[in-house]
């Protein structure tokens, strides 16, 4: 197959950089207490679902166990059978970059929740202090993803390999001004 035929057969399946992104930060204050919630969203984007190519000794994905083995398996899997003729870069390319590996990367993330307390000035002036603020904060709390595996798009690489989940980050901050 020549390159002109390949280009003619290509079909646009989406973009990997979200055209619609944004966020919302809501803060509430009641006397010396405050709370803040931050959410972000990304819509209109796609990512790749990893497809193993069981044609070389370097494939270590557990998905190889779900590969095609006998006629009829194509109804339940899209992982190809193990190649018997050695490496085939065209077959690997078609396997990894076919349209069936494209899925939505739309997501909404609850990225931060913070609660805090400002000590009233009447207590601070006695000790020559200007302000005292204490906050408790949690980041990377939760996400919603519109794909069948509920994968977090921020941990999926360009070829669909899944990395470690984003850790939740807990912090306590004290701010003291003189």
C-alpha atoms as a PDB file:
ATOM      1  CA  UNK A   1       0.000   0.000   0.000  1.00  0.00           C
ATOM      2  CA  UNK A   2       1.506   3.334  -1.004  1.00  0.00           C
ATOM      3  CA  UNK A   3       1.451   6.480   1.157  1.00  0.00           C
ATOM      4  CA  UNK A   4      -1.220   8.194  -0.999  1.00  0.00           C
ATOM      5  CA  UNK A   5      -3.612   5.310  -0.352  1.00  0.00           C
ATOM      6  CA  UNK A   6      -2.917   5.430   3.377  1.00  0.00           C
ATOM      7  CA  UNK A   7      -3.541   9.199   3.545  1.00  0.00           C
ATOM      8  CA  UNK A   8      -6.764   8.819   1.523  1.00  0.00           C
ATOM      9  CA  UNK A   9      -7.989   6.181   4.007  1.00  0.00           C
ATOM     10  CA  UNK A  10      -7.251   8.341   7.071  1.00  0.00           C
ATOM     11  CA  UNK A  11     -10.182   9.819   8.921  1.00  0.00           C
ATOM     12  CA  UNK A  12     -10.189  12.626  11.482  1.00  0.00           C
ATOM     13  CA  UNK A  13     -11.306  11.167  14.803  1.00  0.00           C
ATOM     14  CA  UNK A  14     -10.759  14.131  17.109  1.00  0.00           C
ATOM     15  CA  UNK A  15      -8.155  16.361  18.683  1.00  0.00           C
ATOM     16  CA  UNK A  16      -5.822  15.607  21.562  1.00  0.00           C
ATOM     17  CA  UNK A  17      -5.822  19.151  22.894  1.00  0.00           C
ATOM     18  CA  UNK A  18      -9.203  20.093  24.356  1.00  0.00           C
ATOM     19  CA  UNK A  19     -10.885  22.986  22.523  1.00  0.00           C
ATOM     20  CA  UNK A  20     -13.188  23.652  25.494  1.00  0.00           C
ATOM     21  CA  UNK A  21     -11.462  23.994  28.837  1.00  0.00           C
ATOM     22  CA  UNK A  22     -12.266  25.954  31.928  1.00  0.00           C
ATOM     23  CA  UNK A  23     -12.832  25.916  35.600  1.00  0.00           C
ATOM     24  CA  UNK A  24     -14.868  27.169  38.488  1.00  0.00           C
ATOM     25  CA  UNK A  25     -13.633  28.440  41.827  1.00  0.00           C
ATOM     26  CA  UNK A  26     -16.210  29.071  44.505  1.00  0.00           C
ATOM     27  CA  UNK A  27     -15.214  30.674  47.780  1.00  0.00           C
ATOM     28  CA  UNK A  28     -17.467  31.253  50.786  1.00  0.00           C
ATOM     29  CA  UNK A  29     -16.594  33.371  53.825  1.00  0.00           C
ATOM     30  CA  UNK A  30     -18.463  33.449  57.111  1.00  0.00           C
ATOM     31  CA  UNK A  31     -16.852  35.705  59.706  1.00  0.00           C
ATOM     32  CA  UNK A  32     -13.307  34.411  60.194  1.00  0.00           C
ATOM     33  CA  UNK A  33     -13.916  31.076  58.413  1.00  0.00           C
ATOM     34  CA  UNK A  34     -13.659  30.418  54.686  1.00  0.00           C
ATOM     35  CA  UNK A  35     -13.919  27.502  52.279  1.00  0.00           C
ATOM     36  CA  UNK A  36     -12.941  27.179  48.631  1.00  0.00           C
ATOM     37  CA  UNK A  37     -13.711  24.549  46.002  1.00  0.00           C
ATOM     38  CA  UNK A  38     -11.976  24.433  42.597  1.00  0.00           C
ATOM     39  CA  UNK A  39     -13.114  22.358  39.606  1.00  0.00           C
ATOM     40  CA  UNK A  40     -11.734  22.149  36.062  1.00  0.00           C
ATOM     41  CA  UNK A  41     -13.092  20.659  32.859  1.00  0.00           C
ATOM     42  CA  UNK A  42     -11.860  19.601  29.415  1.00  0.00           C
ATOM     43  CA  UNK A  43     -14.330  18.773  26.623  1.00  0.00           C
ATOM     44  CA  UNK A  44     -14.078  17.918  22.925  1.00  0.00           C
ATOM     45  CA  UNK A  45     -10.892  15.896  23.145  1.00  0.00           C
ATOM     46  CA  UNK A  46      -9.874  12.294  22.533  1.00  0.00           C
ATOM     47  CA  UNK A  47      -7.116   9.964  23.687  1.00  0.00           C
ATOM     48  CA  UNK A  48      -5.820   6.599  22.684  1.00  0.00           C
ATOM     49  CA  UNK A  49      -6.634   3.328  24.423  1.00  0.00           C
ATOM     50  CA  UNK A  50      -3.533   1.143  24.570  1.00  0.00           C
ATOM     51  CA  UNK A  51      -3.517  -1.802  22.167  1.00  0.00           C
ATOM     52  CA  UNK A  52      -0.763  -4.358  22.673  1.00  0.00           C
ATOM     53  CA  UNK A  53       0.991  -5.812  19.681  1.00  0.00           C
ATOM     54  CA  UNK A  54       1.756  -9.407  20.550  1.00  0.00           C
ATOM     55  CA  UNK A  55       4.428  -9.788  17.913  1.00  0.00           C
ATOM     56  CA  UNK A  56       7.606  -9.304  19.863  1.00  0.00           C
ATOM     57  CA  UNK A  57       9.195 -10.362  23.121  1.00  0.00           C
ATOM     58  CA  UNK A  58       8.957  -6.818  24.492  1.00  0.00           C
ATOM     59  CA  UNK A  59       5.158  -6.776  24.929  1.00  0.00           C
ATOM     60  CA  UNK A  60       4.419  -7.204  28.626  1.00  0.00           C
ATOM     61  CA  UNK A  61       0.829  -5.979  28.811  1.00  0.00           C
ATOM     62  CA  UNK A  62      -1.651  -8.221  30.599  1.00  0.00           C
ATOM     63  CA  UNK A  63      -4.055  -7.428  27.747  1.00  0.00           C
ATOM     64  CA  UNK A  64      -2.220 -10.010  25.620  1.00  0.00           C
ATOM     65  CA  UNK A  65      -4.170 -12.660  27.562  1.00  0.00           C
ATOM     66  CA  UNK A  66      -7.332 -11.329  25.876  1.00  0.00           C
ATOM     67  CA  UNK A  67      -5.910 -11.709  22.358  1.00  0.00           C
ATOM     68  CA  UNK A  68      -7.581 -13.287  19.361  1.00  0.00           C
ATOM     69  CA  UNK A  69      -6.945 -17.043  19.208  1.00  0.00           C
ATOM     70  CA  UNK A  70      -9.601 -18.710  17.041  1.00  0.00           C
ATOM     71  CA  UNK A  71     -12.208 -17.659  14.468  1.00  0.00           C
ATOM     72  CA  UNK A  72     -15.058 -15.893  16.231  1.00  0.00           C
ATOM     73  CA  UNK A  73     -12.839 -14.207  18.847  1.00  0.00           C
ATOM     74  CA  UNK A  74     -13.058 -10.985  16.839  1.00  0.00           C
ATOM     75  CA  UNK A  75     -16.552 -10.589  18.297  1.00  0.00           C
ATOM     76  CA  UNK A  76     -15.166 -10.262  21.830  1.00  0.00           C
ATOM     77  CA  UNK A  77     -11.666  -8.808  21.432  1.00  0.00           C
ATOM     78  CA  UNK A  78      -9.698  -6.462  19.243  1.00  0.00           C
ATOM     79  CA  UNK A  79      -6.286  -7.589  20.485  1.00  0.00           C
ATOM     80  CA  UNK A  80      -4.589  -9.394  17.580  1.00  0.00           C
ATOM     81  CA  UNK A  81      -3.223 -12.913  17.735  1.00  0.00           C
ATOM     82  CA  UNK A  82       0.457 -13.511  18.379  1.00  0.00           C
ATOM     83  CA  UNK A  83       2.417 -13.073  15.174  1.00  0.00           C
ATOM     84  CA  UNK A  84       4.171 -16.213  13.995  1.00  0.00           C
ATOM     85  CA  UNK A  85       6.211 -14.626  11.241  1.00  0.00           C
ATOM     86  CA  UNK A  86       8.305 -12.292  13.405  1.00  0.00           C
ATOM     87  CA  UNK A  87       8.048  -8.538  13.684  1.00  0.00           C
ATOM     88  CA  UNK A  88       5.760  -6.733  11.256  1.00  0.00           C
ATOM     89  CA  UNK A  89       5.882  -2.967  11.682  1.00  0.00           C
ATOM     90  CA  UNK A  90       2.871  -2.325   9.416  1.00  0.00           C
ATOM     91  CA  UNK A  91       0.719  -4.765  11.398  1.00  0.00           C
ATOM     92  CA  UNK A  92       1.903  -3.169  14.635  1.00  0.00           C
ATOM     93  CA  UNK A  93       1.091   0.317  13.312  1.00  0.00           C
ATOM     94  CA  UNK A  94      -2.429  -0.730  12.271  1.00  0.00           C
ATOM     95  CA  UNK A  95      -3.010  -2.460  15.626  1.00  0.00           C
ATOM     96  CA  UNK A  96      -1.862   0.420  17.800  1.00  0.00           C
ATOM     97  CA  UNK A  97      -3.187   3.354  15.784  1.00  0.00           C
ATOM     98  CA  UNK A  98      -6.484   2.083  14.431  1.00  0.00           C
ATOM     99  CA  UNK A  99      -9.714   3.981  15.014  1.00  0.00           C
ATOM    100  CA  UNK A 100     -10.948   1.438  17.554  1.00  0.00           C
ATOM    101  CA  UNK A 101      -8.302   2.680  19.993  1.00  0.00           C
ATOM    102  CA  UNK A 102      -9.752   6.212  20.097  1.00  0.00           C
ATOM    103  CA  UNK A 103     -11.925   7.166  23.058  1.00  0.00           C
ATOM    104  CA  UNK A 104     -13.177  10.293  24.726  1.00  0.00           C
ATOM    105  CA  UNK A 105     -10.846  12.204  27.032  1.00  0.00           C
ATOM    106  CA  UNK A 106     -13.564  14.559  28.274  1.00  0.00           C
ATOM    107  CA  UNK A 107     -13.262  15.031  32.017  1.00  0.00           C
ATOM    108  CA  UNK A 108     -14.260  17.090  35.016  1.00  0.00           C
ATOM    109  CA  UNK A 109     -11.911  17.257  37.979  1.00  0.00           C
ATOM    110  CA  UNK A 110     -12.490  18.317  41.568  1.00  0.00           C
ATOM    111  CA  UNK A 111      -9.002  19.682  41.914  1.00  0.00           C
ATOM    112  CA  UNK A 112      -9.025  21.403  45.297  1.00  0.00           C
ATOM    113  CA  UNK A 113     -10.977  21.817  48.499  1.00  0.00           C
ATOM    114  CA  UNK A 114      -9.663  24.221  51.099  1.00  0.00           C
ATOM    115  CA  UNK A 115     -11.027  25.289  54.473  1.00  0.00           C
ATOM    116  CA  UNK A 116      -9.444  27.992  56.570  1.00  0.00           C
ATOM    117  CA  UNK A 117      -9.603  30.207  59.574  1.00  0.00           C
ATOM    118  CA  UNK A 118      -8.403  33.791  60.167  1.00  0.00           C
ATOM    119  CA  UNK A 119      -7.717  34.610  63.804  1.00  0.00           C
ATOM    120  CA  UNK A 120      -9.549  37.829  64.711  1.00  0.00           C
ATOM    121  CA  UNK A 121      -7.375  40.967  65.014  1.00  0.00           C
ATOM    122  CA  UNK A 122      -8.278  41.640  68.647  1.00  0.00           C
ATOM    123  CA  UNK A 123      -6.319  38.530  69.688  1.00  0.00           C
ATOM    124  CA  UNK A 124      -3.354  39.320  67.431  1.00  0.00           C
ATOM    125  CA  UNK A 125      -2.696  42.930  68.467  1.00  0.00           C
ATOM    126  CA  UNK A 126      -1.787  41.854  72.011  1.00  0.00           C
ATOM    127  CA  UNK A 127       1.202  39.955  70.609  1.00  0.00           C
ATOM    128  CA  UNK A 128       2.215  42.462  67.906  1.00  0.00           C
ATOM    129  CA  UNK A 129       0.926  40.319  65.050  1.00  0.00           C
ATOM    130  CA  UNK A 130      -0.810  41.532  61.871  1.00  0.00           C
ATOM    131  CA  UNK A 131      -2.598  38.411  60.592  1.00  0.00           C
ATOM    132  CA  UNK A 132      -2.758  34.693  61.314  1.00  0.00           C
ATOM    133  CA  UNK A 133      -4.364  32.277  58.859  1.00  0.00           C
ATOM    134  CA  UNK A 134      -4.567  28.497  59.011  1.00  0.00           C
ATOM    135  CA  UNK A 135      -5.776  26.400  56.059  1.00  0.00           C
ATOM    136  CA  UNK A 136      -6.335  22.719  55.412  1.00  0.00           C
ATOM    137  CA  UNK A 137      -6.202  21.744  51.757  1.00  0.00           C
ATOM    138  CA  UNK A 138      -6.741  18.597  49.681  1.00  0.00           C
ATOM    139  CA  UNK A 139      -5.820  18.439  45.969  1.00  0.00           C
ATOM    140  CA  UNK A 140      -6.602  15.871  43.240  1.00  0.00           C
ATOM    141  CA  UNK A 141      -9.698  14.722  45.059  1.00  0.00           C
ATOM    142  CA  UNK A 142     -11.795  13.158  42.309  1.00  0.00           C
ATOM    143  CA  UNK A 143     -12.466  13.159  38.580  1.00  0.00           C
ATOM    144  CA  UNK A 144     -15.151  12.064  36.169  1.00  0.00           C
ATOM    145  CA  UNK A 145     -14.116  10.849  32.726  1.00  0.00           C
ATOM    146  CA  UNK A 146     -16.348  10.106  29.746  1.00  0.00           C
ATOM    147  CA  UNK A 147     -14.801   6.858  28.539  1.00  0.00           C
ATOM    148  CA  UNK A 148     -15.774   3.247  29.015  1.00  0.00           C
ATOM    149  CA  UNK A 149     -12.858   2.496  31.345  1.00  0.00           C
ATOM    150  CA  UNK A 150     -13.213   5.715  33.397  1.00  0.00           C
ATOM    151  CA  UNK A 151      -9.528   6.413  32.807  1.00  0.00           C
ATOM    152  CA  UNK A 152      -8.104   9.711  33.990  1.00  0.00           C
ATOM    153  CA  UNK A 153      -6.823  11.355  30.782  1.00  0.00           C
ATOM    154  CA  UNK A 154      -4.087  13.177  32.681  1.00  0.00           C
ATOM    155  CA  UNK A 155      -2.259   9.880  33.300  1.00  0.00           C
ATOM    156  CA  UNK A 156      -2.651   8.354  29.818  1.00  0.00           C
ATOM    157  CA  UNK A 157       0.324   8.761  27.444  1.00  0.00           C
ATOM    158  CA  UNK A 158       0.087   9.542  23.711  1.00  0.00           C
ATOM    159  CA  UNK A 159       0.034   5.827  22.827  1.00  0.00           C
ATOM    160  CA  UNK A 160      -2.530   4.917  25.492  1.00  0.00           C
ATOM    161  CA  UNK A 161      -0.258   3.522  28.179  1.00  0.00           C
ATOM    162  CA  UNK A 162      -1.636   4.210  31.630  1.00  0.00           C
ATOM    163  CA  UNK A 163       0.607   5.812  34.227  1.00  0.00           C
ATOM    164  CA  UNK A 164       0.238   6.072  37.972  1.00  0.00           C
ATOM    165  CA  UNK A 165      -2.845   7.883  39.262  1.00  0.00           C
ATOM    166  CA  UNK A 166      -2.425  11.441  40.480  1.00  0.00           C
ATOM    167  CA  UNK A 167      -1.837  11.292  44.225  1.00  0.00           C
ATOM    168  CA  UNK A 168      -4.097  13.119  46.630  1.00  0.00           C
ATOM    169  CA  UNK A 169      -2.099  15.901  48.239  1.00  0.00           C
ATOM    170  CA  UNK A 170      -2.921  16.968  51.778  1.00  0.00           C
ATOM    171  CA  UNK A 171      -1.503  20.103  53.300  1.00  0.00           C
ATOM    172  CA  UNK A 172      -1.885  22.325  56.325  1.00  0.00           C
ATOM    173  CA  UNK A 173      -0.681  25.905  55.934  1.00  0.00           C
ATOM    174  CA  UNK A 174       0.009  28.468  58.627  1.00  0.00           C
ATOM    175  CA  UNK A 175       0.528  32.091  57.627  1.00  0.00           C
ATOM    176  CA  UNK A 176       1.723  34.597  60.214  1.00  0.00           C
ATOM    177  CA  UNK A 177       2.441  38.247  59.430  1.00  0.00           C
ATOM    178  CA  UNK A 178       4.060  40.698  61.830  1.00  0.00           C
END
